[in-house]
Protein backbone atom coordinates (compact mmCIF):
# COMPACT_ATOMS: atom_id res chain seq x y z
CA UNK A 1 34.16 -6.67 -7.87
CA UNK A 2 33.46 -8.45 -11.14
CA UNK A 3 36.19 -8.59 -13.78
CA UNK A 4 35.74 -8.78 -17.53
CA UNK A 5 38.63 -11.21 -17.94
CA UNK A 6 41.91 -12.49 -16.52
CA UNK A 7 43.87 -9.45 -17.70
CA UNK A 8 41.46 -7.15 -15.84
CA UNK A 9 41.63 -9.39 -12.78
CA UNK A 10 45.44 -9.38 -12.76
CA UNK A 11 45.54 -5.62 -13.31
CA UNK A 12 43.33 -4.85 -10.29
CA UNK A 13 45.13 -7.33 -8.03
CA UNK A 14 48.61 -5.98 -8.86
CA UNK A 15 47.41 -2.38 -8.60
CA UNK A 16 45.90 -3.18 -5.20
CA UNK A 17 49.26 -4.58 -4.03
CA UNK A 18 50.99 -1.37 -5.17
CA UNK A 19 48.50 1.07 -3.63
CA UNK A 20 48.43 -0.83 -0.33
CA UNK A 21 52.26 -0.83 -0.30
CA UNK A 22 52.39 -4.62 -0.27
CA UNK A 23 54.68 -4.02 -3.25
CA UNK A 24 56.85 -1.02 -2.38
CA UNK A 25 58.48 1.59 -4.67
CA UNK A 26 61.63 0.20 -6.25
CA UNK A 27 60.72 -3.42 -5.52
CA UNK A 28 61.04 -5.94 -8.36
CA UNK A 29 57.83 -7.48 -9.68
CA UNK A 30 58.09 -11.12 -10.72
CA UNK A 31 55.50 -12.16 -13.31
CA UNK A 32 55.80 -15.85 -12.52
CA UNK A 33 55.25 -15.33 -8.78
CA UNK A 34 52.16 -13.18 -9.30
CA UNK A 35 50.79 -15.63 -11.88
CA UNK A 36 51.24 -18.51 -9.44
CA UNK A 37 49.67 -16.53 -6.59
CA UNK A 38 46.65 -15.59 -8.69
CA UNK A 39 46.36 -19.05 -10.25
CA UNK A 40 46.57 -17.78 -13.82
CA UNK A 41 49.08 -17.88 -16.70
CA UNK A 42 51.81 -15.27 -17.16
CA UNK A 43 50.19 -13.77 -20.28
CA UNK A 44 47.39 -11.80 -18.53
CA UNK A 45 49.88 -10.81 -15.81
CA UNK A 46 52.27 -9.43 -18.44
CA UNK A 47 49.41 -7.53 -20.13
CA UNK A 48 48.32 -6.11 -16.77
CA UNK A 49 51.87 -4.99 -15.99
CA UNK A 50 52.12 -3.27 -19.39
CA UNK A 51 48.98 -1.30 -18.51
CA UNK A 52 50.50 -0.29 -15.16
CA UNK A 53 53.69 0.78 -16.95
CA UNK A 54 51.56 3.09 -19.13
CA UNK A 55 49.96 4.54 -15.98
CA UNK A 56 53.32 5.23 -14.36
CA UNK A 57 52.97 2.90 -11.36
CA UNK A 58 55.40 0.35 -12.78
CA UNK A 59 58.68 0.76 -14.67
CA UNK A 60 60.27 -1.64 -17.17
CA UNK A 61 64.07 -1.54 -16.94
CA UNK A 62 65.76 -3.07 -20.01
CA UNK A 63 67.76 -6.22 -19.20
CA UNK A 64 66.91 -5.83 -15.51
CA UNK A 65 63.20 -6.53 -15.18
CA UNK A 66 60.00 -4.89 -14.03
CA UNK A 67 59.96 -2.75 -10.88
CA UNK A 68 57.42 -0.76 -8.88
CA UNK A 69 57.89 2.88 -9.88
CA UNK A 70 59.78 5.31 -7.68
CA UNK A 71 57.81 8.56 -7.85
CA UNK A 72 59.80 11.68 -7.04
CA UNK A 73 58.72 14.44 -4.69
CA UNK A 74 58.68 16.85 -7.62
CA UNK A 75 56.25 14.61 -9.50
CA UNK A 76 53.95 14.48 -6.48
CA UNK A 77 54.16 18.25 -6.02
CA UNK A 78 53.11 18.79 -9.64
CA UNK A 79 50.00 16.70 -8.97
CA UNK A 80 49.02 18.96 -6.06
CA UNK A 81 47.91 21.84 -8.26
CA UNK A 82 45.55 19.45 -10.04
CA UNK A 83 44.34 18.11 -6.70
CA UNK A 84 43.50 21.64 -5.55
CA UNK A 85 41.15 22.21 -8.47
CA UNK A 86 39.49 18.79 -8.32
CA UNK A 87 39.11 18.61 -4.55
CA UNK A 88 37.77 22.14 -4.24
CA UNK A 89 34.89 21.09 -6.49
CA UNK A 90 34.54 17.78 -4.65
CA UNK A 91 34.31 19.43 -1.22
CA UNK A 92 31.88 22.05 -2.49
CA UNK A 93 29.48 19.41 -3.82
CA UNK A 94 29.91 17.22 -0.76
CA UNK A 95 28.78 20.04 1.56
CA UNK A 96 25.57 20.34 -0.43
CA UNK A 97 24.78 16.62 -0.69
CA UNK A 98 26.12 14.85 2.40
CA UNK A 99 23.57 12.89 4.50
CA UNK A 100 23.59 12.20 8.24
CA UNK A 101 24.68 8.60 7.59
CA UNK A 102 27.54 9.80 5.39
CA UNK A 103 28.61 12.29 8.06
CA UNK A 104 28.86 9.41 10.51
CA UNK A 105 30.96 7.36 8.08
CA UNK A 106 33.28 10.28 7.27
CA UNK A 107 33.90 10.89 10.99
CA UNK A 108 34.63 7.18 11.47
CA UNK A 109 37.26 7.22 8.70
CA UNK A 110 38.85 10.26 10.33
CA UNK A 111 38.91 8.52 13.74
CA UNK A 112 40.70 5.53 12.17
CA UNK A 113 43.16 7.91 10.50
CA UNK A 114 43.83 9.66 13.82
CA UNK A 115 44.41 6.32 15.56
CA UNK A 116 46.90 5.17 12.89
CA UNK A 117 48.81 8.46 13.05
CA UNK A 118 49.02 8.37 16.83
CA UNK A 119 50.33 4.80 16.71
CA UNK A 120 53.01 5.77 14.18
CA UNK A 121 51.55 3.48 11.52
CA UNK A 122 52.15 5.94 8.69
CA UNK A 123 51.51 3.51 5.85
CA UNK A 124 48.03 2.77 7.20
CA UNK A 125 47.51 6.46 7.98
CA UNK A 126 48.40 7.31 4.37
CA UNK A 127 45.76 4.86 3.11
CA UNK A 128 43.16 6.37 5.46
CA UNK A 129 44.15 9.92 4.50
CA UNK A 130 43.39 9.01 0.89
CA UNK A 131 40.19 7.27 1.97
CA UNK A 132 38.90 10.51 3.51
CA UNK A 133 39.36 12.34 0.22
CA UNK A 134 37.97 9.45 -1.83
CA UNK A 135 34.86 9.30 0.34
CA UNK A 136 34.27 13.04 -0.01
CA UNK A 137 34.55 12.65 -3.79
CA UNK A 138 32.10 9.74 -3.72
CA UNK A 139 29.53 11.85 -1.86
CA UNK A 140 29.89 14.59 -4.50
CA UNK A 141 27.86 12.42 -6.87
CA UNK A 142 30.09 13.18 -9.86
CA UNK A 143 31.47 9.86 -11.11
CA UNK A 144 34.06 11.36 -13.46
CA UNK A 145 35.31 13.71 -10.73
CA UNK A 146 35.48 10.77 -8.33
CA UNK A 147 37.54 8.75 -10.82
CA UNK A 148 40.00 11.61 -11.35
CA UNK A 149 40.47 12.09 -7.61
CA UNK A 150 40.84 8.35 -7.03
CA UNK A 151 43.58 8.16 -9.65
CA UNK A 152 45.57 10.96 -8.00
CA UNK A 153 44.95 9.60 -4.51
CA UNK A 154 46.30 6.23 -5.66
CA UNK A 155 49.65 7.84 -6.46
CA UNK A 156 49.75 9.64 -3.11
CA UNK A 157 48.74 6.53 -1.13
CA UNK A 158 51.47 4.61 -2.96
CA UNK A 159 54.31 7.14 -2.69
CA UNK A 160 53.56 9.31 0.37
CA UNK A 161 54.73 6.87 3.10
CA UNK A 162 58.19 6.79 1.49
CA UNK A 163 58.50 10.50 0.70
CA UNK A 164 57.24 12.26 3.82
CA UNK A 165 59.17 12.38 7.08
CA UNK A 166 56.72 12.82 9.92
CA UNK A 167 57.51 14.89 12.98
CA UNK A 168 55.31 15.56 16.00
CA UNK A 169 54.53 19.05 14.65
CA UNK A 170 53.58 17.71 11.21
CA UNK A 171 51.41 14.98 12.70
CA UNK A 172 49.56 17.51 14.87
CA UNK A 173 49.04 19.83 11.88
CA UNK A 174 47.73 17.04 9.67
CA UNK A 175 45.30 15.80 12.32
CA UNK A 176 44.01 19.32 12.94
CA UNK A 177 43.57 20.06 9.22
CA UNK A 178 41.64 16.87 8.56
CA UNK A 179 39.49 17.35 11.68
CA UNK A 180 38.63 20.90 10.60
CA UNK A 181 37.77 19.66 7.11
CA UNK A 182 35.48 16.91 8.37
CA UNK A 183 33.78 19.29 10.83
CA UNK A 184 33.24 21.97 8.16
CA UNK A 185 31.69 19.44 5.77
CA UNK A 186 29.45 18.00 8.47
CA UNK A 187 28.32 21.57 9.29
CA UNK A 188 27.73 22.15 5.56
CA UNK A 189 30.06 25.14 5.81
CA UNK A 190 31.10 25.21 2.16
CA UNK A 191 33.32 28.32 2.30
CA UNK A 192 35.29 27.03 5.28
CA UNK A 193 35.62 23.54 3.79
CA UNK A 194 37.03 24.96 0.54
CA UNK A 195 39.52 27.13 2.43
CA UNK A 196 40.59 24.16 4.57
CA UNK A 197 41.11 21.78 1.65
CA UNK A 198 43.33 24.37 -0.02
CA UNK A 199 45.31 24.77 3.20
CA UNK A 200 45.60 20.99 3.56
CA UNK A 201 47.01 20.56 0.07
CA UNK A 202 49.37 23.51 0.58
CA UNK A 203 50.57 21.83 3.80
CA UNK A 204 51.27 18.62 1.85
CA UNK A 205 53.31 20.66 -0.61
CA UNK A 206 55.35 22.03 2.30
CA UNK A 207 55.80 18.51 3.68
CA UNK A 208 57.13 17.24 0.36
CA UNK A 209 59.32 20.29 -0.16
CA UNK A 210 60.90 20.14 3.28
CA UNK A 211 61.10 16.35 3.84
């Protein structure tokens, strides 16, 4: 990825650390350490952090410092209604446009997700869960829709591993829902895919509500 300047570079690197859970919710962010790691001055790092504060991924606590945001379950649940609208459109378009090569790639992402879940690596599984939805949005061919979904998925990839308590029943349900979604899309079964994505998001709401 090419960056327009040091501020943009710092922004994407810090955001990547947050979304990948290298920096976890509630953890302090030290400007000088990030500047040294990236080999740049503190000024672009500070500007990047201010941008992340505006986005809600970072919080500035007066007289205490800068910390990775702690996103509540209620905040995540409020995002789900938006996800339902956006991802229904995304899935619908994906069913119409997906190619054989893209079907193969989507199934591969799901297989990696399944493997991570079965190993109990829930942080990695969360990233792969989001990757499934991001890839579907990418196939939809609507760049603005893809950007909206990516933004919401970033918040879920960041916060979900720390807000959801997985049980054997929940793991089985999640794997089944995602497998049904991938199969419906690969069969170009638009009606089923839309119904499944709504069920999947409703199941996430239940997970958040009952965790």
